[in-house]
Amino acid sequence: MTEPPPPRIVTTMTFSRQMTRCPIPHNTELAQDTVALFGDLPGPLRDLIGGAAGCSPYLAALLSREQTWISQLEDFGAEDLR
């Protein structure tokens, strides 16, 4: 009689867990204002948003405009975003 195989543990690699680096914001005030729009996101995504917004007013405007969609990124696995 053979024993059944042990259960497989599957962990989902989320987008924020896969990140390794973030830009350093040049304009910290713009970075903070943009990050404030995304208060419910985890720290790594907030750091990425702040870094991108603080380095580029254009990206800050895009992030503000696409806030609804970007706020849903944490719900996706890393593979879903490729």
PDB file of N, CA and C in Angstrom:
ATOM      1  N   MET A   1       0.848  -1.175   0.000  1.00  0.00           N
ATOM      2  CA  MET A   1       0.000   0.000   0.000  1.00  0.00           C
ATOM      3  C   MET A   1       0.895   1.240   0.000  1.00  0.00           C
ATOM      4  N   THR A   2       0.635   2.123  -0.907  1.00  0.00           N
ATOM      5  CA  THR A   2       1.447   3.341  -0.995  1.00  0.00           C
ATOM      6  C   THR A   2       0.732   4.509  -0.333  1.00  0.00           C
ATOM      7  N   GLU A   3       1.521   5.375   0.223  1.00  0.00           N
ATOM      8  CA  GLU A   3       0.951   6.563   0.868  1.00  0.00           C
ATOM      9  C   GLU A   3       0.711   7.643  -0.179  1.00  0.00           C
ATOM     10  N   PRO A   4      -0.307   8.443   0.043  1.00  0.00           N
ATOM     11  CA  PRO A   4      -0.544   9.538  -0.903  1.00  0.00           C
ATOM     12  C   PRO A   4       0.586  10.567  -0.797  1.00  0.00           C
ATOM     13  N   PRO A   5       0.842  11.289  -1.875  1.00  0.00           N
ATOM     14  CA  PRO A   5       1.904  12.297  -1.832  1.00  0.00           C
ATOM     15  C   PRO A   5       1.522  13.427  -0.871  1.00  0.00           C
ATOM     16  N   PRO A   6       2.517  14.087  -0.296  1.00  0.00           N
ATOM     17  CA  PRO A   6       2.210  15.192   0.610  1.00  0.00           C
ATOM     18  C   PRO A   6       1.532  16.330  -0.152  1.00  0.00           C
ATOM     19  N   PRO A   7       0.732  17.114   0.543  1.00  0.00           N
ATOM     20  CA  PRO A   7       0.058  18.220  -0.144  1.00  0.00           C
ATOM     21  C   PRO A   7       1.073  19.234  -0.660  1.00  0.00           C
ATOM     22  N   ARG A   8       0.764  19.774  -1.812  1.00  0.00           N
ATOM     23  CA  ARG A   8       1.626  20.785  -2.414  1.00  0.00           C
ATOM     24  C   ARG A   8       1.268  22.149  -1.861  1.00  0.00           C
ATOM     25  N   ILE A   9       2.251  22.861  -1.415  1.00  0.00           N
ATOM     26  CA  ILE A   9       2.016  24.213  -0.927  1.00  0.00           C
ATOM     27  C   ILE A   9       2.367  25.171  -2.054  1.00  0.00           C
ATOM     28  N   VAL A  10       1.396  25.961  -2.450  1.00  0.00           N
ATOM     29  CA  VAL A  10       1.594  26.907  -3.536  1.00  0.00           C
ATOM     30  C   VAL A  10       1.477  28.314  -2.968  1.00  0.00           C
ATOM     31  N   THR A  11       2.507  29.096  -3.187  1.00  0.00           N
ATOM     32  CA  THR A  11       2.444  30.496  -2.779  1.00  0.00           C
ATOM     33  C   THR A  11       2.434  31.351  -4.028  1.00  0.00           C
ATOM     34  N   THR A  12       1.645  32.365  -3.997  1.00  0.00           N
ATOM     35  CA  THR A  12       1.542  33.263  -5.135  1.00  0.00           C
ATOM     36  C   THR A  12       2.581  34.357  -5.002  1.00  0.00           C
ATOM     37  N   MET A  13       3.333  34.563  -6.061  1.00  0.00           N
ATOM     38  CA  MET A  13       4.319  35.632  -6.083  1.00  0.00           C
ATOM     39  C   MET A  13       3.626  36.882  -6.596  1.00  0.00           C
ATOM     40  N   THR A  14       3.353  37.799  -5.697  1.00  0.00           N
ATOM     41  CA  THR A  14       2.670  39.021  -6.099  1.00  0.00           C
ATOM     42  C   THR A  14       3.667  39.998  -6.699  1.00  0.00           C
ATOM     43  N   PHE A  15       3.122  40.981  -7.387  1.00  0.00           N
ATOM     44  CA  PHE A  15       3.941  42.002  -8.028  1.00  0.00           C
ATOM     45  C   PHE A  15       4.840  42.698  -7.013  1.00  0.00           C
ATOM     46  N   SER A  16       4.283  43.070  -5.864  1.00  0.00           N
ATOM     47  CA  SER A  16       5.077  43.804  -4.876  1.00  0.00           C
ATOM     48  C   SER A  16       6.155  42.933  -4.233  1.00  0.00           C
ATOM     49  N   ARG A  17       5.935  41.635  -4.138  1.00  0.00           N
ATOM     50  CA  ARG A  17       6.954  40.744  -3.561  1.00  0.00           C
ATOM     51  C   ARG A  17       8.108  40.502  -4.516  1.00  0.00           C
ATOM     52  N   GLN A  18       7.871  40.684  -5.796  1.00  0.00           N
ATOM     53  CA  GLN A  18       8.900  40.423  -6.794  1.00  0.00           C
ATOM     54  C   GLN A  18       9.807  41.639  -7.020  1.00  0.00           C
ATOM     55  N   MET A  19       9.411  42.794  -6.559  1.00  0.00           N
ATOM     56  CA  MET A  19      10.200  44.008  -6.761  1.00  0.00           C
ATOM     57  C   MET A  19      11.501  43.938  -5.962  1.00  0.00           C
ATOM     58  N   THR A  20      12.573  44.416  -6.555  1.00  0.00           N
ATOM     59  CA  THR A  20      13.863  44.418  -5.868  1.00  0.00           C
ATOM     60  C   THR A  20      14.420  45.821  -5.656  1.00  0.00           C
ATOM     61  N   ARG A  21      13.991  46.793  -6.458  1.00  0.00           N
ATOM     62  CA  ARG A  21      14.507  48.157  -6.350  1.00  0.00           C
ATOM     63  C   ARG A  21      13.416  49.167  -6.684  1.00  0.00           C
ATOM     64  N   CYS A  22      13.635  50.386  -6.203  1.00  0.00           N
ATOM     65  CA  CYS A  22      12.732  51.496  -6.514  1.00  0.00           C
ATOM     66  C   CYS A  22      13.563  52.746  -6.764  1.00  0.00           C
ATOM     67  N   PRO A  23      13.079  53.645  -7.625  1.00  0.00           N
ATOM     68  CA  PRO A  23      13.807  54.898  -7.833  1.00  0.00           C
ATOM     69  C   PRO A  23      13.745  55.781  -6.589  1.00  0.00           C
ATOM     70  N   ILE A  24      14.758  56.603  -6.424  1.00  0.00           N
ATOM     71  CA  ILE A  24      14.786  57.563  -5.318  1.00  0.00           C
ATOM     72  C   ILE A  24      14.163  58.858  -5.829  1.00  0.00           C
ATOM     73  N   PRO A  25      13.116  59.372  -5.163  1.00  0.00           N
ATOM     74  CA  PRO A  25      12.445  60.569  -5.674  1.00  0.00           C
ATOM     75  C   PRO A  25      13.322  61.815  -5.569  1.00  0.00           C
ATOM     76  N   HIS A  26      13.349  62.588  -6.639  1.00  0.00           N
ATOM     77  CA  HIS A  26      14.063  63.866  -6.650  1.00  0.00           C
ATOM     78  C   HIS A  26      13.199  64.944  -5.999  1.00  0.00           C
ATOM     79  N   ASN A  27      11.930  64.957  -6.351  1.00  0.00           N
ATOM     80  CA  ASN A  27      10.973  65.915  -5.794  1.00  0.00           C
ATOM     81  C   ASN A  27      10.147  65.174  -4.740  1.00  0.00           C
ATOM     82  N   THR A  28      10.566  65.270  -3.492  1.00  0.00           N
ATOM     83  CA  THR A  28       9.904  64.497  -2.436  1.00  0.00           C
ATOM     84  C   THR A  28       8.486  64.982  -2.156  1.00  0.00           C
ATOM     85  N   GLU A  29       8.229  66.260  -2.365  1.00  0.00           N
ATOM     86  CA  GLU A  29       6.873  66.771  -2.132  1.00  0.00           C
ATOM     87  C   GLU A  29       5.892  66.173  -3.138  1.00  0.00           C
ATOM     88  N   LEU A  30       6.274  66.144  -4.402  1.00  0.00           N
ATOM     89  CA  LEU A  30       5.419  65.541  -5.431  1.00  0.00           C
ATOM     90  C   LEU A  30       5.252  64.045  -5.166  1.00  0.00           C
ATOM     91  N   ALA A  31       6.316  63.392  -4.730  1.00  0.00           N
ATOM     92  CA  ALA A  31       6.243  61.962  -4.404  1.00  0.00           C
ATOM     93  C   ALA A  31       5.243  61.715  -3.279  1.00  0.00           C
ATOM     94  N   GLN A  32       5.315  62.505  -2.220  1.00  0.00           N
ATOM     95  CA  GLN A  32       4.407  62.331  -1.082  1.00  0.00           C
ATOM     96  C   GLN A  32       2.960  62.605  -1.469  1.00  0.00           C
ATOM     97  N   ASP A  33       2.740  63.637  -2.287  1.00  0.00           N
ATOM     98  CA  ASP A  33       1.374  63.952  -2.722  1.00  0.00           C
ATOM     99  C   ASP A  33       0.784  62.810  -3.546  1.00  0.00           C
ATOM    100  N   THR A  34       1.588  62.227  -4.420  1.00  0.00           N
ATOM    101  CA  THR A  34       1.103  61.141  -5.268  1.00  0.00           C
ATOM    102  C   THR A  34       0.878  59.874  -4.451  1.00  0.00           C
ATOM    103  N   VAL A  35       1.789  59.550  -3.551  1.00  0.00           N
ATOM    104  CA  VAL A  35       1.653  58.358  -2.712  1.00  0.00           C
ATOM    105  C   VAL A  35       0.407  58.461  -1.833  1.00  0.00           C
ATOM    106  N   ALA A  36       0.058  59.662  -1.420  1.00  0.00           N
ATOM    107  CA  ALA A  36      -1.129  59.849  -0.574  1.00  0.00           C
ATOM    108  C   ALA A  36      -2.401  59.374  -1.277  1.00  0.00           C
ATOM    109  N   LEU A  37      -2.402  59.374  -2.598  1.00  0.00           N
ATOM    110  CA  LEU A  37      -3.563  58.889  -3.356  1.00  0.00           C
ATOM    111  C   LEU A  37      -3.707  57.371  -3.267  1.00  0.00           C
ATOM    112  N   PHE A  38      -2.631  56.685  -2.902  1.00  0.00           N
ATOM    113  CA  PHE A  38      -2.588  55.225  -2.894  1.00  0.00           C
ATOM    114  C   PHE A  38      -2.376  54.693  -1.487  1.00  0.00           C
ATOM    115  N   GLY A  39      -3.060  55.237  -0.515  1.00  0.00           N
ATOM    116  CA  GLY A  39      -2.854  54.896   0.884  1.00  0.00           C
ATOM    117  C   GLY A  39      -3.071  53.444   1.240  1.00  0.00           C
ATOM    118  N   ASP A  40      -3.865  52.714   0.470  1.00  0.00           N
ATOM    119  CA  ASP A  40      -4.183  51.331   0.828  1.00  0.00           C
ATOM    120  C   ASP A  40      -3.221  50.301   0.232  1.00  0.00           C
ATOM    121  N   LEU A  41      -2.260  50.723  -0.568  1.00  0.00           N
ATOM    122  CA  LEU A  41      -1.312  49.780  -1.167  1.00  0.00           C
ATOM    123  C   LEU A  41      -0.200  49.434  -0.182  1.00  0.00           C
ATOM    124  N   PRO A  42       0.401  48.249  -0.327  1.00  0.00           N
ATOM    125  CA  PRO A  42       1.509  47.874   0.560  1.00  0.00           C
ATOM    126  C   PRO A  42       2.746  48.735   0.304  1.00  0.00           C
ATOM    127  N   GLY A  43       3.643  48.740   1.265  1.00  0.00           N
ATOM    128  CA  GLY A  43       4.838  49.572   1.227  1.00  0.00           C
ATOM    129  C   GLY A  43       5.654  49.522  -0.054  1.00  0.00           C
ATOM    130  N   PRO A  44       5.988  48.332  -0.586  1.00  0.00           N
ATOM    131  CA  PRO A  44       6.818  48.296  -1.794  1.00  0.00           C
ATOM    132  C   PRO A  44       6.179  49.002  -2.991  1.00  0.00           C
ATOM    133  N   LEU A  45       4.877  48.847  -3.173  1.00  0.00           N
ATOM    134  CA  LEU A  45       4.220  49.531  -4.285  1.00  0.00           C
ATOM    135  C   LEU A  45       4.156  51.035  -4.044  1.00  0.00           C
ATOM    136  N   ARG A  46       3.942  51.432  -2.806  1.00  0.00           N
ATOM    137  CA  ARG A  46       3.937  52.860  -2.477  1.00  0.00           C
ATOM    138  C   ARG A  46       5.318  53.464  -2.726  1.00  0.00           C
ATOM    139  N   ASP A  47       6.378  52.731  -2.404  1.00  0.00           N
ATOM    140  CA  ASP A  47       7.736  53.215  -2.658  1.00  0.00           C
ATOM    141  C   ASP A  47       7.990  53.379  -4.153  1.00  0.00           C
ATOM    142  N   LEU A  48       7.524  52.427  -4.943  1.00  0.00           N
ATOM    143  CA  LEU A  48       7.684  52.506  -6.392  1.00  0.00           C
ATOM    144  C   LEU A  48       6.927  53.703  -6.953  1.00  0.00           C
ATOM    145  N   ILE A  49       5.701  53.886  -6.514  1.00  0.00           N
ATOM    146  CA  ILE A  49       4.887  55.006  -6.989  1.00  0.00           C
ATOM    147  C   ILE A  49       5.527  56.333  -6.591  1.00  0.00           C
ATOM    148  N   GLY A  50       5.964  56.437  -5.339  1.00  0.00           N
ATOM    149  CA  GLY A  50       6.602  57.671  -4.885  1.00  0.00           C
ATOM    150  C   GLY A  50       7.891  57.965  -5.627  1.00  0.00           C
ATOM    151  N   GLY A  51       8.687  56.937  -5.857  1.00  0.00           N
ATOM    152  CA  GLY A  51       9.935  57.134  -6.585  1.00  0.00           C
ATOM    153  C   GLY A  51       9.701  57.574  -8.018  1.00  0.00           C
ATOM    154  N   ALA A  52       8.770  56.929  -8.686  1.00  0.00           N
ATOM    155  CA  ALA A  52       8.470  57.292 -10.077  1.00  0.00           C
ATOM    156  C   ALA A  52       7.880  58.693 -10.164  1.00  0.00           C
ATOM    157  N   ALA A  53       6.932  58.994  -9.288  1.00  0.00           N
ATOM    158  CA  ALA A  53       6.294  60.314  -9.307  1.00  0.00           C
ATOM    159  C   ALA A  53       7.282  61.411  -8.942  1.00  0.00           C
ATOM    160  N   GLY A  54       8.166  61.137  -7.998  1.00  0.00           N
ATOM    161  CA  GLY A  54       9.133  62.135  -7.567  1.00  0.00           C
ATOM    162  C   GLY A  54      10.259  62.373  -8.549  1.00  0.00           C
ATOM    163  N   CYS A  55      10.383  61.520  -9.550  1.00  0.00           N
ATOM    164  CA  CYS A  55      11.405  61.686 -10.586  1.00  0.00           C
ATOM    165  C   CYS A  55      10.841  62.298 -11.860  1.00  0.00           C
ATOM    166  N   SER A  56       9.526  62.293 -12.000  1.00  0.00           N
ATOM    167  CA  SER A  56       8.931  62.750 -13.257  1.00  0.00           C
ATOM    168  C   SER A  56       7.528  63.303 -13.027  1.00  0.00           C
ATOM    169  N   PRO A  57       7.336  64.610 -13.244  1.00  0.00           N
ATOM    170  CA  PRO A  57       5.986  65.166 -13.135  1.00  0.00           C
ATOM    171  C   PRO A  57       5.009  64.497 -14.115  1.00  0.00           C
ATOM    172  N   TYR A  58       5.519  64.087 -15.273  1.00  0.00           N
ATOM    173  CA  TYR A  58       4.673  63.394 -16.245  1.00  0.00           C
ATOM    174  C   TYR A  58       4.154  62.078 -15.665  1.00  0.00           C
ATOM    175  N   LEU A  59       5.051  61.289 -15.062  1.00  0.00           N
ATOM    176  CA  LEU A  59       4.623  60.028 -14.454  1.00  0.00           C
ATOM    177  C   LEU A  59       3.703  60.272 -13.264  1.00  0.00           C
ATOM    178  N   ALA A  60       3.949  61.338 -12.510  1.00  0.00           N
ATOM    179  CA  ALA A  60       3.071  61.679 -11.385  1.00  0.00           C
ATOM    180  C   ALA A  60       1.654  61.943 -11.890  1.00  0.00           C
ATOM    181  N   ALA A  61       1.543  62.654 -13.014  1.00  0.00           N
ATOM    182  CA  ALA A  61       0.221  62.935 -13.587  1.00  0.00           C
ATOM    183  C   ALA A  61      -0.443  61.646 -14.072  1.00  0.00           C
ATOM    184  N   LEU A  62       0.322  60.771 -14.716  1.00  0.00           N
ATOM    185  CA  LEU A  62      -0.236  59.491 -15.171  1.00  0.00           C
ATOM    186  C   LEU A  62      -0.690  58.632 -13.998  1.00  0.00           C
ATOM    187  N   LEU A  63       0.125  58.570 -12.964  1.00  0.00           N
ATOM    188  CA  LEU A  63      -0.238  57.786 -11.781  1.00  0.00           C
ATOM    189  C   LEU A  63      -1.516  58.318 -11.150  1.00  0.00           C
ATOM    190  N   SER A  64      -1.645  59.624 -11.079  1.00  0.00           N
ATOM    191  CA  SER A  64      -2.857  60.225 -10.513  1.00  0.00           C
ATOM    192  C   SER A  64      -4.075  59.905 -11.369  1.00  0.00           C
ATOM    193  N   ARG A  65      -3.901  59.979 -12.688  1.00  0.00           N
ATOM    194  CA  ARG A  65      -5.014  59.726 -13.600  1.00  0.00           C
ATOM    195  C   ARG A  65      -5.436  58.259 -13.590  1.00  0.00           C
ATOM    196  N   GLU A  66      -4.489  57.350 -13.428  1.00  0.00           N
ATOM    197  CA  GLU A  66      -4.765  55.910 -13.472  1.00  0.00           C
ATOM    198  C   GLU A  66      -4.861  55.291 -12.077  1.00  0.00           C
ATOM    199  N   GLN A  67      -5.188  56.085 -11.097  1.00  0.00           N
ATOM    200  CA  GLN A  67      -5.213  55.639  -9.700  1.00  0.00           C
ATOM    201  C   GLN A  67      -6.089  54.408  -9.484  1.00  0.00           C
ATOM    202  N   THR A  68      -7.259  54.371 -10.070  1.00  0.00           N
ATOM    203  CA  THR A  68      -8.182  53.252  -9.858  1.00  0.00           C
ATOM    204  C   THR A  68      -7.569  51.938 -10.325  1.00  0.00           C
ATOM    205  N   TRP A  69      -7.017  51.935 -11.519  1.00  0.00           N
ATOM    206  CA  TRP A  69      -6.425  50.719 -12.074  1.00  0.00           C
ATOM    207  C   TRP A  69      -5.186  50.306 -11.290  1.00  0.00           C
ATOM    208  N   ILE A  70      -4.328  51.260 -10.977  1.00  0.00           N
ATOM    209  CA  ILE A  70      -3.082  50.958 -10.273  1.00  0.00           C
ATOM    210  C   ILE A  70      -3.364  50.422  -8.875  1.00  0.00           C
ATOM    211  N   SER A  71      -4.410  50.898  -8.250  1.00  0.00           N
ATOM    212  CA  SER A  71      -4.753  50.438  -6.898  1.00  0.00           C
ATOM    213  C   SER A  71      -5.108  48.957  -6.871  1.00  0.00           C
ATOM    214  N   GLN A  72      -5.432  48.378  -8.011  1.00  0.00           N
ATOM    215  CA  GLN A  72      -5.797  46.966  -8.085  1.00  0.00           C
ATOM    216  C   GLN A  72      -4.598  46.051  -8.352  1.00  0.00           C
ATOM    217  N   LEU A  73      -3.406  46.598  -8.511  1.00  0.00           N
ATOM    218  CA  LEU A  73      -2.231  45.783  -8.842  1.00  0.00           C
ATOM    219  C   LEU A  73      -1.933  44.719  -7.802  1.00  0.00           C
ATOM    220  N   GLU A  74      -2.167  45.004  -6.545  1.00  0.00           N
ATOM    221  CA  GLU A  74      -1.850  44.045  -5.487  1.00  0.00           C
ATOM    222  C   GLU A  74      -2.693  42.778  -5.606  1.00  0.00           C
ATOM    223  N   ASP A  75      -3.838  42.868  -6.274  1.00  0.00           N
ATOM    224  CA  ASP A  75      -4.714  41.712  -6.430  1.00  0.00           C
ATOM    225  C   ASP A  75      -4.216  40.723  -7.483  1.00  0.00           C
ATOM    226  N   PHE A  76      -3.244  41.109  -8.287  1.00  0.00           N
ATOM    227  CA  PHE A  76      -2.750  40.265  -9.366  1.00  0.00           C
ATOM    228  C   PHE A  76      -1.452  39.581  -8.966  1.00  0.00           C
ATOM    229  N   GLY A  77      -1.240  38.388  -9.481  1.00  0.00           N
ATOM    230  CA  GLY A  77       0.040  37.721  -9.316  1.00  0.00           C
ATOM    231  C   GLY A  77       1.043  38.311 -10.293  1.00  0.00           C
ATOM    232  N   ALA A  78       2.314  38.108 -10.030  1.00  0.00           N
ATOM    233  CA  ALA A  78       3.357  38.664 -10.885  1.00  0.00           C
ATOM    234  C   ALA A  78       3.225  38.158 -12.323  1.00  0.00           C
ATOM    235  N   GLU A  79       2.854  36.907 -12.512  1.00  0.00           N
ATOM    236  CA  GLU A  79       2.714  36.339 -13.856  1.00  0.00           C
ATOM    237  C   GLU A  79       1.545  36.956 -14.613  1.00  0.00           C
ATOM    238  N   ASP A  80       0.514  37.389 -13.899  1.00  0.00           N
ATOM    239  CA  ASP A  80      -0.649  37.990 -14.546  1.00  0.00           C
ATOM    240  C   ASP A  80      -0.323  39.337 -15.174  1.00  0.00           C
ATOM    241  N   LEU A  81       0.716  39.992 -14.694  1.00  0.00           N
ATOM    242  CA  LEU A  81       1.051  41.334 -15.150  1.00  0.00           C
ATOM    243  C   LEU A  81       2.057  41.344 -16.286  1.00  0.00           C
ATOM    244  N   ARG A  82       2.451  40.201 -16.750  1.00  0.00           N
ATOM    245  CA  ARG A  82       3.423  40.150 -17.856  1.00  0.00           C
ATOM    246  C   ARG A  82       2.744  40.275 -19.174  1.00  0.00           C
TER     247      ARG A  82
END
